[in-house]
Amino acid sequence: MTTNKNIQKYLWHFVVIFLTYLFLGSFVVSNDFPSLIYLIIFYFAMISEKLINKNSR
């Protein structure tokens, strides 16, 4: 069980880093503001979900 949770945790970290890299790269290369907005929404959703789960426990 512990190994499975660790793998899921590291996979989630990899996905977050990869999406951040893609959205920031798209913004830097083409000044594409929707990609920056997507990144802000993505981080806002992650943070709010973590806070809601923390408060519900």
N, C-alpha and C. Protein backbone atom coordinates (compact mmCIF):
# COMPACT_ATOMS: atom_id res chain seq x y z
N MET A 1 0.81 -1.20 0.00
CA MET A 1 0.00 0.00 0.00
C MET A 1 0.86 1.26 0.00
N THR A 2 1.88 1.29 0.82
CA THR A 2 2.70 2.48 0.91
C THR A 2 3.38 2.77 -0.42
N THR A 3 3.86 1.74 -1.07
CA THR A 3 4.53 1.92 -2.35
C THR A 3 3.57 2.47 -3.40
N ASN A 4 2.35 1.97 -3.41
CA ASN A 4 1.35 2.45 -4.36
C ASN A 4 1.03 3.92 -4.12
N LYS A 5 0.92 4.33 -2.87
CA LYS A 5 0.64 5.74 -2.56
C LYS A 5 1.82 6.62 -2.96
N ASN A 6 3.04 6.13 -2.75
CA ASN A 6 4.22 6.90 -3.14
C ASN A 6 4.28 7.07 -4.66
N ILE A 7 3.97 6.01 -5.39
CA ILE A 7 3.99 6.10 -6.85
C ILE A 7 2.94 7.09 -7.33
N GLN A 8 1.75 7.05 -6.76
CA GLN A 8 0.70 7.99 -7.15
C GLN A 8 1.10 9.42 -6.83
N LYS A 9 1.74 9.61 -5.69
CA LYS A 9 2.17 10.95 -5.28
C LYS A 9 3.21 11.50 -6.25
N TYR A 10 4.21 10.69 -6.59
CA TYR A 10 5.26 11.14 -7.49
C TYR A 10 4.74 11.33 -8.91
N LEU A 11 3.81 10.50 -9.32
CA LEU A 11 3.21 10.66 -10.64
C LEU A 11 2.42 11.96 -10.70
N TRP A 12 1.70 12.28 -9.65
CA TRP A 12 0.95 13.54 -9.60
C TRP A 12 1.90 14.73 -9.64
N HIS A 13 3.01 14.68 -8.91
CA HIS A 13 4.00 15.75 -8.95
C HIS A 13 4.57 15.92 -10.36
N PHE A 14 4.83 14.81 -11.02
CA PHE A 14 5.35 14.86 -12.39
C PHE A 14 4.35 15.52 -13.33
N VAL A 15 3.07 15.18 -13.20
CA VAL A 15 2.04 15.76 -14.05
C VAL A 15 1.93 17.26 -13.82
N VAL A 16 1.97 17.69 -12.57
CA VAL A 16 1.88 19.12 -12.26
C VAL A 16 3.08 19.87 -12.85
N ILE A 17 4.26 19.33 -12.69
CA ILE A 17 5.45 19.98 -13.23
C ILE A 17 5.40 20.03 -14.75
N PHE A 18 4.95 18.95 -15.38
CA PHE A 18 4.88 18.89 -16.82
C PHE A 18 3.86 19.90 -17.36
N LEU A 19 2.69 19.97 -16.75
CA LEU A 19 1.69 20.95 -17.20
C LEU A 19 2.17 22.39 -16.99
N THR A 20 2.84 22.64 -15.89
CA THR A 20 3.38 23.96 -15.64
C THR A 20 4.39 24.33 -16.72
N TYR A 21 5.26 23.38 -17.06
CA TYR A 21 6.26 23.59 -18.10
C TYR A 21 5.59 23.90 -19.44
N LEU A 22 4.55 23.14 -19.79
CA LEU A 22 3.88 23.36 -21.07
C LEU A 22 3.17 24.71 -21.12
N PHE A 23 2.42 25.05 -20.08
CA PHE A 23 1.68 26.31 -20.08
C PHE A 23 2.62 27.51 -20.05
N LEU A 24 3.66 27.45 -19.22
CA LEU A 24 4.60 28.57 -19.18
C LEU A 24 5.39 28.69 -20.48
N GLY A 25 5.77 27.56 -21.06
CA GLY A 25 6.48 27.57 -22.34
C GLY A 25 5.62 28.18 -23.43
N SER A 26 4.35 27.83 -23.46
CA SER A 26 3.43 28.38 -24.45
C SER A 26 3.28 29.88 -24.27
N PHE A 27 3.22 30.31 -23.02
CA PHE A 27 3.08 31.74 -22.76
C PHE A 27 4.33 32.50 -23.16
N VAL A 28 5.49 31.98 -22.83
CA VAL A 28 6.75 32.67 -23.12
C VAL A 28 7.00 32.74 -24.62
N VAL A 29 6.75 31.65 -25.32
CA VAL A 29 7.06 31.61 -26.75
C VAL A 29 6.12 32.49 -27.56
N SER A 30 4.81 32.45 -27.26
CA SER A 30 3.87 33.15 -28.14
C SER A 30 3.04 34.21 -27.44
N ASN A 31 3.36 34.54 -26.20
CA ASN A 31 2.55 35.49 -25.42
C ASN A 31 1.08 35.14 -25.48
N ASP A 32 0.79 33.86 -25.31
CA ASP A 32 -0.56 33.34 -25.38
C ASP A 32 -1.18 33.44 -23.99
N PHE A 33 -1.98 34.49 -23.78
CA PHE A 33 -2.54 34.72 -22.45
C PHE A 33 -3.52 33.65 -21.98
N PRO A 34 -4.27 33.00 -22.86
CA PRO A 34 -5.13 31.92 -22.37
C PRO A 34 -4.35 30.79 -21.69
N SER A 35 -3.14 30.50 -22.16
CA SER A 35 -2.35 29.45 -21.49
C SER A 35 -1.95 29.88 -20.09
N LEU A 36 -1.66 31.16 -19.91
CA LEU A 36 -1.35 31.66 -18.57
C LEU A 36 -2.59 31.61 -17.68
N ILE A 37 -3.74 31.93 -18.24
CA ILE A 37 -4.98 31.84 -17.48
C ILE A 37 -5.29 30.40 -17.10
N TYR A 38 -5.06 29.46 -18.03
CA TYR A 38 -5.25 28.04 -17.72
C TYR A 38 -4.35 27.61 -16.58
N LEU A 39 -3.11 28.09 -16.58
CA LEU A 39 -2.18 27.73 -15.52
C LEU A 39 -2.66 28.27 -14.17
N ILE A 40 -3.14 29.50 -14.15
CA ILE A 40 -3.65 30.10 -12.91
C ILE A 40 -4.87 29.34 -12.42
N ILE A 41 -5.77 28.99 -13.33
CA ILE A 41 -6.96 28.22 -12.94
C ILE A 41 -6.56 26.84 -12.43
N PHE A 42 -5.59 26.21 -13.08
CA PHE A 42 -5.11 24.90 -12.67
C PHE A 42 -4.56 24.93 -11.24
N TYR A 43 -3.71 25.91 -10.93
CA TYR A 43 -3.16 26.01 -9.59
C TYR A 43 -4.23 26.40 -8.56
N PHE A 44 -5.16 27.27 -8.95
CA PHE A 44 -6.24 27.65 -8.05
C PHE A 44 -7.10 26.44 -7.70
N ALA A 45 -7.40 25.61 -8.70
CA ALA A 45 -8.20 24.41 -8.46
C ALA A 45 -7.47 23.42 -7.56
N MET A 46 -6.18 23.25 -7.77
CA MET A 46 -5.41 22.33 -6.93
C MET A 46 -5.36 22.81 -5.49
N ILE A 47 -5.10 24.09 -5.30
CA ILE A 47 -4.98 24.63 -3.95
C ILE A 47 -6.33 24.59 -3.24
N SER A 48 -7.39 24.97 -3.93
CA SER A 48 -8.70 24.96 -3.30
C SER A 48 -9.14 23.54 -2.96
N GLU A 49 -8.86 22.57 -3.82
CA GLU A 49 -9.21 21.18 -3.54
C GLU A 49 -8.45 20.67 -2.32
N LYS A 50 -7.18 21.03 -2.22
CA LYS A 50 -6.38 20.60 -1.07
C LYS A 50 -6.89 21.23 0.22
N LEU A 51 -7.28 22.50 0.17
CA LEU A 51 -7.82 23.17 1.36
C LEU A 51 -9.17 22.58 1.77
N ILE A 52 -10.01 22.29 0.79
CA ILE A 52 -11.32 21.71 1.11
C ILE A 52 -11.16 20.33 1.74
N ASN A 53 -10.26 19.52 1.19
CA ASN A 53 -10.02 18.19 1.76
C ASN A 53 -9.40 18.28 3.15
N LYS A 54 -8.55 19.26 3.37
CA LYS A 54 -7.90 19.42 4.67
C LYS A 54 -8.93 19.85 5.72
N ASN A 55 -9.86 20.74 5.35
CA ASN A 55 -10.85 21.22 6.28
C ASN A 55 -11.94 20.19 6.57
N SER A 56 -12.20 19.29 5.62
CA SER A 56 -13.26 18.30 5.82
C SER A 56 -12.81 17.14 6.69
N ARG A 57 -11.53 17.00 6.90
CA ARG A 57 -11.03 15.88 7.74
C ARG A 57 -11.16 16.18 9.18
